[in-house]
Amino acid sequence: MEALPLAVDAELRPHARGTRLRLHLHELYGRLAQAGPETVEVEWRHRDARGLVVRTTADLAESAAGTWSAETAVGLAAPTGLGAGTWDLRLRIRFREGVSREVTAHALTGAGLLRRRAVPSARHGVVLVQPYRTHSGALALRVAPGVRGVLSVARGRLRRLLH
């Protein structure tokens, strides 16, 4: 399993009714089905606060030929959700025999998938959410909760426009 390359695509769908992360694991060399992918552990790691990690697990279901899909909710507001800051997505695919592999997910760049959105929040009023593609192509997420978060983003944008 260590030598088997894995390709995972990810798309984040922020909505008022709940933010969803969709993952698609692709068969590359015809050996993935033998290994039997069962679950994916989704791990959001805060980029600045070392050790701050939010985890969830989702079942992988075989969809089209050679692909497995999983979908999970993403909490945006602290204390149980992600909270403010920049978050990197890491995945651990677990297989039938108990073996697991860590991978990064490639950000899908379809229409509107990587644009900033304001999502209503009962706790903060509003949460700004921006999924984006890192230099390596992985999915990452910027979160700015509440009025302070919105003002911080607006000030930064204005500062960049004026300089």
N, C-alpha and C. Protein backbone atom coordinates (compact mmCIF):
# COMPACT_ATOMS: atom_id res chain seq x y z
N MET A 1 0.81 -1.21 0.00
CA MET A 1 0.00 0.00 0.00
C MET A 1 0.85 1.26 0.00
N GLU A 2 2.04 1.20 0.59
CA GLU A 2 2.85 2.41 0.68
C GLU A 2 3.25 2.93 -0.70
N ALA A 3 3.41 2.02 -1.66
CA ALA A 3 3.86 2.43 -2.99
C ALA A 3 2.70 2.80 -3.91
N LEU A 4 1.48 2.53 -3.50
CA LEU A 4 0.32 2.79 -4.35
C LEU A 4 -0.02 4.28 -4.32
N PRO A 5 0.07 4.98 -5.46
CA PRO A 5 -0.29 6.40 -5.47
C PRO A 5 -1.80 6.57 -5.37
N LEU A 6 -2.21 7.57 -4.61
CA LEU A 6 -3.63 7.85 -4.43
C LEU A 6 -3.94 9.25 -4.94
N ALA A 7 -5.07 9.40 -5.59
CA ALA A 7 -5.52 10.71 -6.07
C ALA A 7 -6.89 10.99 -5.48
N VAL A 8 -6.98 12.09 -4.73
CA VAL A 8 -8.25 12.48 -4.11
C VAL A 8 -8.55 13.91 -4.53
N ASP A 9 -9.77 14.12 -5.03
CA ASP A 9 -10.26 15.46 -5.34
C ASP A 9 -11.19 15.90 -4.22
N ALA A 10 -11.17 17.20 -3.91
CA ALA A 10 -12.01 17.72 -2.83
C ALA A 10 -12.72 18.98 -3.30
N GLU A 11 -13.96 19.12 -2.85
CA GLU A 11 -14.69 20.36 -3.09
C GLU A 11 -15.43 20.73 -1.82
N LEU A 12 -15.34 21.99 -1.45
CA LEU A 12 -16.01 22.49 -0.26
C LEU A 12 -17.20 23.32 -0.72
N ARG A 13 -18.36 23.04 -0.14
CA ARG A 13 -19.60 23.73 -0.49
C ARG A 13 -20.16 24.44 0.74
N PRO A 14 -19.78 25.72 0.96
CA PRO A 14 -20.32 26.46 2.10
C PRO A 14 -21.75 26.93 1.83
N HIS A 15 -22.65 26.65 2.76
CA HIS A 15 -24.05 27.08 2.65
C HIS A 15 -24.57 27.43 4.03
N ALA A 16 -25.66 28.19 4.04
CA ALA A 16 -26.29 28.57 5.31
C ALA A 16 -26.80 27.35 6.06
N ARG A 17 -27.26 26.33 5.35
CA ARG A 17 -27.79 25.12 5.99
C ARG A 17 -26.69 24.17 6.44
N GLY A 18 -25.46 24.49 6.14
CA GLY A 18 -24.35 23.63 6.55
C GLY A 18 -23.31 23.52 5.44
N THR A 19 -22.07 23.53 5.83
CA THR A 19 -20.97 23.42 4.87
C THR A 19 -20.62 21.95 4.70
N ARG A 20 -20.48 21.52 3.45
CA ARG A 20 -20.21 20.12 3.13
C ARG A 20 -18.88 20.00 2.39
N LEU A 21 -18.13 18.96 2.74
CA LEU A 21 -16.89 18.62 2.04
C LEU A 21 -17.14 17.32 1.28
N ARG A 22 -16.94 17.36 -0.03
CA ARG A 22 -17.10 16.17 -0.87
C ARG A 22 -15.73 15.71 -1.34
N LEU A 23 -15.49 14.42 -1.20
CA LEU A 23 -14.20 13.83 -1.58
C LEU A 23 -14.42 12.73 -2.59
N HIS A 24 -13.51 12.64 -3.57
CA HIS A 24 -13.57 11.61 -4.60
C HIS A 24 -12.19 10.96 -4.71
N LEU A 25 -12.10 9.68 -4.37
CA LEU A 25 -10.88 8.89 -4.46
C LEU A 25 -10.89 8.16 -5.79
N HIS A 26 -9.80 8.31 -6.57
CA HIS A 26 -9.75 7.76 -7.92
C HIS A 26 -8.83 6.55 -8.01
N GLU A 27 -9.27 5.57 -8.76
CA GLU A 27 -8.47 4.38 -9.09
C GLU A 27 -7.49 4.77 -10.19
N LEU A 28 -6.19 4.56 -9.96
CA LEU A 28 -5.19 4.94 -10.96
C LEU A 28 -4.60 3.74 -11.68
N TYR A 29 -4.32 2.67 -10.96
CA TYR A 29 -3.61 1.54 -11.56
C TYR A 29 -4.31 0.21 -11.38
N GLY A 30 -5.59 0.22 -11.04
CA GLY A 30 -6.34 -1.01 -10.92
C GLY A 30 -6.08 -1.82 -9.67
N ARG A 31 -5.40 -1.25 -8.68
CA ARG A 31 -5.09 -2.00 -7.46
C ARG A 31 -5.84 -1.48 -6.24
N LEU A 32 -6.52 -0.37 -6.38
CA LEU A 32 -7.20 0.23 -5.25
C LEU A 32 -8.40 -0.61 -4.80
N ALA A 33 -9.14 -1.16 -5.73
CA ALA A 33 -10.30 -1.99 -5.39
C ALA A 33 -9.88 -3.21 -4.58
N GLN A 34 -8.72 -3.77 -4.90
CA GLN A 34 -8.19 -4.92 -4.15
C GLN A 34 -7.94 -4.55 -2.69
N ALA A 35 -7.42 -3.36 -2.47
CA ALA A 35 -7.09 -2.91 -1.12
C ALA A 35 -8.35 -2.61 -0.31
N GLY A 36 -9.44 -2.27 -0.99
CA GLY A 36 -10.71 -2.04 -0.31
C GLY A 36 -10.76 -0.80 0.56
N PRO A 37 -10.75 0.40 -0.04
CA PRO A 37 -10.87 1.61 0.78
C PRO A 37 -12.22 1.63 1.50
N GLU A 38 -12.18 1.90 2.81
CA GLU A 38 -13.41 1.86 3.60
C GLU A 38 -13.82 3.20 4.17
N THR A 39 -12.87 3.90 4.81
CA THR A 39 -13.19 5.18 5.43
C THR A 39 -12.11 6.20 5.12
N VAL A 40 -12.47 7.46 5.32
CA VAL A 40 -11.50 8.54 5.20
C VAL A 40 -11.59 9.38 6.47
N GLU A 41 -10.44 9.62 7.08
CA GLU A 41 -10.37 10.51 8.24
C GLU A 41 -9.99 11.88 7.71
N VAL A 42 -10.87 12.84 7.91
CA VAL A 42 -10.67 14.21 7.45
C VAL A 42 -10.05 15.00 8.60
N GLU A 43 -8.95 15.66 8.32
CA GLU A 43 -8.23 16.40 9.35
C GLU A 43 -7.96 17.81 8.86
N TRP A 44 -8.51 18.79 9.56
CA TRP A 44 -8.23 20.20 9.28
C TRP A 44 -7.18 20.66 10.29
N ARG A 45 -6.01 21.08 9.80
CA ARG A 45 -4.92 21.53 10.68
C ARG A 45 -4.79 23.05 10.57
N HIS A 46 -4.82 23.70 11.73
CA HIS A 46 -4.66 25.16 11.75
C HIS A 46 -3.22 25.49 11.39
N ARG A 47 -3.05 26.40 10.47
CA ARG A 47 -1.71 26.69 9.97
C ARG A 47 -0.83 27.40 11.00
N ASP A 48 -1.41 28.26 11.84
CA ASP A 48 -0.61 29.04 12.78
C ASP A 48 -0.55 28.42 14.18
N ALA A 49 -1.63 27.84 14.64
CA ALA A 49 -1.69 27.27 15.99
C ALA A 49 -1.29 25.80 15.91
N ARG A 50 -0.03 25.51 16.14
CA ARG A 50 0.48 24.14 16.06
C ARG A 50 -0.31 23.23 17.00
N GLY A 51 -0.68 22.10 16.50
CA GLY A 51 -1.40 21.13 17.31
C GLY A 51 -2.90 21.29 17.31
N LEU A 52 -3.42 22.41 16.77
CA LEU A 52 -4.86 22.61 16.72
C LEU A 52 -5.40 21.87 15.49
N VAL A 53 -6.16 20.81 15.74
CA VAL A 53 -6.65 19.93 14.67
C VAL A 53 -8.13 19.62 14.92
N VAL A 54 -8.92 19.64 13.86
CA VAL A 54 -10.33 19.24 13.92
C VAL A 54 -10.48 18.03 13.01
N ARG A 55 -11.00 16.92 13.58
CA ARG A 55 -11.10 15.66 12.82
C ARG A 55 -12.54 15.19 12.71
N THR A 56 -12.81 14.49 11.62
CA THR A 56 -14.06 13.78 11.43
C THR A 56 -13.79 12.59 10.52
N THR A 57 -14.67 11.62 10.54
CA THR A 57 -14.50 10.42 9.71
C THR A 57 -15.74 10.22 8.86
N ALA A 58 -15.53 9.76 7.63
CA ALA A 58 -16.64 9.49 6.71
C ALA A 58 -16.39 8.16 6.00
N ASP A 59 -17.47 7.47 5.70
CA ASP A 59 -17.38 6.22 4.96
C ASP A 59 -17.18 6.50 3.48
N LEU A 60 -16.32 5.70 2.85
CA LEU A 60 -16.13 5.78 1.41
C LEU A 60 -17.09 4.80 0.74
N ALA A 61 -17.82 5.28 -0.25
CA ALA A 61 -18.75 4.43 -0.99
C ALA A 61 -18.30 4.38 -2.44
N GLU A 62 -18.27 3.18 -3.00
CA GLU A 62 -17.88 3.06 -4.41
C GLU A 62 -18.99 3.68 -5.24
N SER A 63 -18.62 4.61 -6.12
CA SER A 63 -19.62 5.28 -6.95
C SER A 63 -19.46 4.80 -8.38
N ALA A 64 -18.86 5.58 -9.22
CA ALA A 64 -18.63 5.17 -10.61
C ALA A 64 -17.48 4.16 -10.64
N ALA A 65 -17.28 3.56 -11.79
CA ALA A 65 -16.19 2.58 -11.93
C ALA A 65 -14.86 3.23 -11.58
N GLY A 66 -14.21 2.67 -10.58
CA GLY A 66 -12.89 3.17 -10.20
C GLY A 66 -12.89 4.42 -9.36
N THR A 67 -14.02 4.77 -8.75
CA THR A 67 -14.05 5.93 -7.85
C THR A 67 -14.83 5.62 -6.59
N TRP A 68 -14.37 6.22 -5.50
CA TRP A 68 -15.05 6.13 -4.22
C TRP A 68 -15.33 7.55 -3.77
N SER A 69 -16.47 7.76 -3.15
CA SER A 69 -16.87 9.09 -2.71
C SER A 69 -17.21 9.10 -1.23
N ALA A 70 -17.01 10.26 -0.63
CA ALA A 70 -17.39 10.47 0.77
C ALA A 70 -17.83 11.92 0.90
N GLU A 71 -18.72 12.16 1.84
CA GLU A 71 -19.17 13.52 2.11
C GLU A 71 -19.31 13.68 3.61
N THR A 72 -18.90 14.84 4.11
CA THR A 72 -18.97 15.10 5.54
C THR A 72 -19.26 16.57 5.78
N ALA A 73 -19.84 16.86 6.93
CA ALA A 73 -20.11 18.24 7.33
C ALA A 73 -18.83 18.88 7.85
N VAL A 74 -18.72 20.18 7.65
CA VAL A 74 -17.59 20.95 8.16
C VAL A 74 -18.15 22.06 9.04
N GLY A 75 -17.86 22.00 10.33
CA GLY A 75 -18.29 23.05 11.25
C GLY A 75 -17.35 24.24 11.13
N LEU A 76 -17.92 25.41 10.93
CA LEU A 76 -17.08 26.60 10.72
C LEU A 76 -16.86 27.41 11.98
N ALA A 77 -17.80 27.36 12.91
CA ALA A 77 -17.71 28.22 14.09
C ALA A 77 -17.13 27.45 15.28
N ALA A 78 -16.19 28.08 15.97
CA ALA A 78 -15.64 27.49 17.20
C ALA A 78 -16.77 27.48 18.23
N PRO A 79 -16.76 26.71 19.28
CA PRO A 79 -15.69 25.90 19.80
C PRO A 79 -15.56 24.52 19.15
N THR A 80 -16.60 23.97 18.58
CA THR A 80 -16.47 22.62 18.02
C THR A 80 -16.05 22.65 16.56
N GLY A 81 -16.14 23.80 15.91
CA GLY A 81 -15.78 23.90 14.50
C GLY A 81 -14.38 24.44 14.31
N LEU A 82 -14.12 24.91 13.11
CA LEU A 82 -12.77 25.34 12.77
C LEU A 82 -12.37 26.64 13.43
N GLY A 83 -13.21 27.65 13.41
CA GLY A 83 -12.84 28.94 13.98
C GLY A 83 -11.97 29.75 13.03
N ALA A 84 -11.50 30.90 13.51
CA ALA A 84 -10.76 31.84 12.67
C ALA A 84 -9.39 31.31 12.28
N GLY A 85 -8.96 31.69 11.07
CA GLY A 85 -7.62 31.35 10.64
C GLY A 85 -7.59 30.61 9.32
N THR A 86 -6.41 30.11 9.01
CA THR A 86 -6.18 29.34 7.79
C THR A 86 -6.00 27.88 8.16
N TRP A 87 -6.71 27.02 7.45
CA TRP A 87 -6.74 25.59 7.75
C TRP A 87 -6.32 24.78 6.54
N ASP A 88 -5.43 23.83 6.75
CA ASP A 88 -4.99 22.92 5.69
C ASP A 88 -5.71 21.59 5.84
N LEU A 89 -6.11 21.01 4.72
CA LEU A 89 -6.82 19.73 4.72
C LEU A 89 -5.85 18.58 4.51
N ARG A 90 -5.91 17.60 5.39
CA ARG A 90 -5.15 16.36 5.26
C ARG A 90 -6.13 15.20 5.40
N LEU A 91 -5.84 14.11 4.71
CA LEU A 91 -6.73 12.95 4.74
C LEU A 91 -5.94 11.70 5.09
N ARG A 92 -6.61 10.78 5.75
CA ARG A 92 -6.05 9.45 5.99
C ARG A 92 -7.09 8.46 5.47
N ILE A 93 -6.70 7.71 4.43
CA ILE A 93 -7.57 6.70 3.85
C ILE A 93 -7.31 5.39 4.59
N ARG A 94 -8.35 4.76 5.09
CA ARG A 94 -8.24 3.48 5.80
C ARG A 94 -8.80 2.37 4.91
N PHE A 95 -8.02 1.28 4.83
CA PHE A 95 -8.36 0.16 3.96
C PHE A 95 -8.84 -1.05 4.76
N ARG A 96 -9.38 -2.01 4.05
CA ARG A 96 -9.99 -3.21 4.62
C ARG A 96 -9.09 -3.94 5.62
N GLU A 97 -7.83 -4.06 5.33
CA GLU A 97 -6.90 -4.85 6.16
C GLU A 97 -6.34 -4.05 7.35
N GLY A 98 -6.87 -2.86 7.59
CA GLY A 98 -6.39 -2.05 8.70
C GLY A 98 -5.25 -1.11 8.34
N VAL A 99 -4.79 -1.18 7.11
CA VAL A 99 -3.71 -0.31 6.64
C VAL A 99 -4.29 1.07 6.35
N SER A 100 -3.49 2.12 6.53
CA SER A 100 -3.95 3.47 6.20
C SER A 100 -2.85 4.24 5.48
N ARG A 101 -3.26 5.25 4.73
CA ARG A 101 -2.33 6.13 4.00
C ARG A 101 -2.75 7.57 4.18
N GLU A 102 -1.77 8.44 4.43
CA GLU A 102 -2.04 9.88 4.50
C GLU A 102 -1.86 10.49 3.13
N VAL A 103 -2.80 11.36 2.75
CA VAL A 103 -2.75 12.04 1.46
C VAL A 103 -3.28 13.46 1.62
N THR A 104 -2.97 14.29 0.64
CA THR A 104 -3.61 15.60 0.54
C THR A 104 -4.64 15.51 -0.57
N ALA A 105 -5.64 16.35 -0.50
CA ALA A 105 -6.69 16.35 -1.51
C ALA A 105 -6.48 17.52 -2.46
N HIS A 106 -6.61 17.27 -3.73
CA HIS A 106 -6.49 18.32 -4.74
C HIS A 106 -7.79 19.11 -4.81
N ALA A 107 -7.67 20.42 -4.79
CA ALA A 107 -8.84 21.29 -4.83
C ALA A 107 -9.44 21.30 -6.23
N LEU A 108 -10.73 20.99 -6.32
CA LEU A 108 -11.42 21.12 -7.60
C LEU A 108 -11.68 22.60 -7.85
N THR A 109 -11.57 23.02 -9.09
CA THR A 109 -11.65 24.44 -9.41
C THR A 109 -12.84 24.77 -10.30
N GLY A 110 -13.92 24.04 -10.17
CA GLY A 110 -15.12 24.28 -10.99
C GLY A 110 -15.73 25.64 -10.70
N ALA A 111 -16.78 25.94 -11.43
CA ALA A 111 -17.45 27.24 -11.34
C ALA A 111 -17.89 27.55 -9.91
N GLY A 112 -17.32 28.61 -9.34
CA GLY A 112 -17.72 29.09 -8.03
C GLY A 112 -17.22 28.30 -6.84
N LEU A 113 -16.45 27.23 -7.05
CA LEU A 113 -16.02 26.40 -5.93
C LEU A 113 -14.99 27.09 -5.04
N LEU A 114 -14.15 27.94 -5.62
CA LEU A 114 -13.07 28.56 -4.84
C LEU A 114 -13.30 30.05 -4.63
N ARG A 115 -14.54 30.46 -4.49
CA ARG A 115 -14.78 31.88 -4.24
C ARG A 115 -15.17 32.11 -2.79
N ARG A 116 -14.91 33.33 -2.33
CA ARG A 116 -15.22 33.69 -0.95
C ARG A 116 -16.74 33.81 -0.79
N ARG A 117 -17.23 33.32 0.36
CA ARG A 117 -18.67 33.38 0.63
C ARG A 117 -18.90 33.86 2.06
N ALA A 118 -20.00 34.56 2.24
CA ALA A 118 -20.46 34.95 3.57
C ALA A 118 -21.57 33.98 3.95
N VAL A 119 -21.36 33.23 5.03
CA VAL A 119 -22.32 32.21 5.46
C VAL A 119 -22.95 32.68 6.77
N PRO A 120 -24.29 32.73 6.85
CA PRO A 120 -24.94 33.11 8.10
C PRO A 120 -24.59 32.13 9.23
N SER A 121 -24.43 32.69 10.43
CA SER A 121 -24.08 31.87 11.59
C SER A 121 -24.89 32.33 12.80
N ALA A 122 -25.50 31.39 13.51
CA ALA A 122 -26.26 31.74 14.71
C ALA A 122 -25.32 32.27 15.79
N ARG A 123 -24.11 31.75 15.85
CA ARG A 123 -23.16 32.14 16.89
C ARG A 123 -22.47 33.47 16.59
N HIS A 124 -22.07 33.69 15.32
CA HIS A 124 -21.27 34.87 14.97
C HIS A 124 -22.00 35.89 14.10
N GLY A 125 -23.19 35.58 13.65
CA GLY A 125 -23.89 36.46 12.72
C GLY A 125 -23.54 36.13 11.29
N VAL A 126 -22.25 36.16 11.00
CA VAL A 126 -21.77 35.83 9.65
C VAL A 126 -20.36 35.24 9.76
N VAL A 127 -20.04 34.33 8.85
CA VAL A 127 -18.69 33.76 8.78
C VAL A 127 -18.24 33.87 7.33
N LEU A 128 -17.10 34.53 7.10
CA LEU A 128 -16.52 34.56 5.75
C LEU A 128 -15.71 33.28 5.56
N VAL A 129 -15.96 32.61 4.45
CA VAL A 129 -15.32 31.33 4.15
C VAL A 129 -14.70 31.42 2.76
N GLN A 130 -13.41 31.12 2.66
CA GLN A 130 -12.76 31.12 1.35
C GLN A 130 -11.93 29.85 1.17
N PRO A 131 -12.49 28.87 0.44
CA PRO A 131 -11.67 27.72 0.06
C PRO A 131 -10.70 28.17 -1.02
N TYR A 132 -9.48 27.67 -1.01
CA TYR A 132 -8.53 28.04 -2.05
C TYR A 132 -7.56 26.91 -2.31
N ARG A 133 -6.88 27.03 -3.42
CA ARG A 133 -5.92 26.03 -3.87
C ARG A 133 -4.52 26.51 -3.49
N THR A 134 -3.76 25.69 -2.77
CA THR A 134 -2.39 26.05 -2.40
C THR A 134 -1.48 25.92 -3.63
N HIS A 135 -0.22 26.30 -3.48
CA HIS A 135 0.73 26.19 -4.59
C HIS A 135 0.88 24.76 -5.08
N SER A 136 0.73 23.80 -4.18
CA SER A 136 0.84 22.39 -4.57
C SER A 136 -0.47 21.83 -5.10
N GLY A 137 -1.53 22.64 -5.10
CA GLY A 137 -2.82 22.20 -5.61
C GLY A 137 -3.76 21.65 -4.56
N ALA A 138 -3.33 21.62 -3.30
CA ALA A 138 -4.16 21.07 -2.22
C ALA A 138 -5.24 22.07 -1.81
N LEU A 139 -6.30 21.55 -1.22
CA LEU A 139 -7.38 22.39 -0.72
C LEU A 139 -7.02 22.93 0.66
N ALA A 140 -7.21 24.23 0.84
CA ALA A 140 -7.05 24.88 2.14
C ALA A 140 -8.23 25.82 2.32
N LEU A 141 -8.38 26.36 3.52
CA LEU A 141 -9.57 27.14 3.83
C LEU A 141 -9.21 28.30 4.75
N ARG A 142 -9.71 29.48 4.39
CA ARG A 142 -9.59 30.65 5.26
C ARG A 142 -10.96 30.90 5.88
N VAL A 143 -10.98 31.13 7.20
CA VAL A 143 -12.24 31.36 7.91
C VAL A 143 -12.10 32.65 8.72
N ALA A 144 -13.09 33.55 8.58
CA ALA A 144 -13.11 34.80 9.34
C ALA A 144 -14.51 34.96 9.94
N PRO A 145 -14.69 34.58 11.22
CA PRO A 145 -16.03 34.64 11.82
C PRO A 145 -16.37 36.01 12.39
N GLY A 146 -17.63 36.37 12.32
CA GLY A 146 -18.16 37.56 12.96
C GLY A 146 -17.81 38.85 12.26
N VAL A 147 -18.30 39.93 12.84
CA VAL A 147 -18.08 41.26 12.28
C VAL A 147 -16.60 41.61 12.30
N ARG A 148 -15.89 41.25 13.36
CA ARG A 148 -14.44 41.52 13.41
C ARG A 148 -13.71 40.82 12.27
N GLY A 149 -14.08 39.59 11.98
CA GLY A 149 -13.47 38.86 10.87
C GLY A 149 -13.74 39.53 9.54
N VAL A 150 -14.97 39.96 9.33
CA VAL A 150 -15.34 40.64 8.09
C VAL A 150 -14.57 41.95 7.96
N LEU A 151 -14.50 42.72 9.05
CA LEU A 151 -13.76 43.99 9.02
C LEU A 151 -12.27 43.76 8.78
N SER A 152 -11.71 42.74 9.37
CA SER A 152 -10.30 42.41 9.17
C SER A 152 -10.01 42.10 7.70
N VAL A 153 -10.87 41.32 7.08
CA VAL A 153 -10.70 40.99 5.66
C VAL A 153 -10.85 42.24 4.81
N ALA A 154 -11.85 43.08 5.12
CA ALA A 154 -12.08 44.31 4.35
C ALA A 154 -10.90 45.27 4.48
N ARG A 155 -10.35 45.42 5.71
CA ARG A 155 -9.18 46.30 5.90
C ARG A 155 -7.98 45.80 5.10
N GLY A 156 -7.74 44.50 5.14
CA GLY A 156 -6.62 43.93 4.38
C GLY A 156 -6.78 44.15 2.89
N ARG A 157 -7.98 43.98 2.41
CA ARG A 157 -8.24 44.18 0.98
C ARG A 157 -8.05 45.64 0.59
N LEU A 158 -8.56 46.55 1.41
CA LEU A 158 -8.41 47.98 1.16
C LEU A 158 -6.94 48.39 1.18
N ARG A 159 -6.19 47.86 2.15
CA ARG A 159 -4.76 48.15 2.25
C ARG A 159 -4.03 47.71 0.98
N ARG A 160 -4.36 46.53 0.47
CA ARG A 160 -3.71 46.04 -0.76
C ARG A 160 -4.09 46.89 -1.97
N LEU A 161 -5.31 47.39 -2.00
CA LEU A 161 -5.74 48.23 -3.12
C LEU A 161 -5.03 49.58 -3.13
N LEU A 162 -4.78 50.13 -1.93
CA LEU A 162 -4.18 51.46 -1.82
C LEU A 162 -2.67 51.46 -1.95
N HIS A 163 -2.03 50.32 -1.78
CA HIS A 163 -0.56 50.29 -1.85
C HIS A 163 -0.07 49.57 -3.05
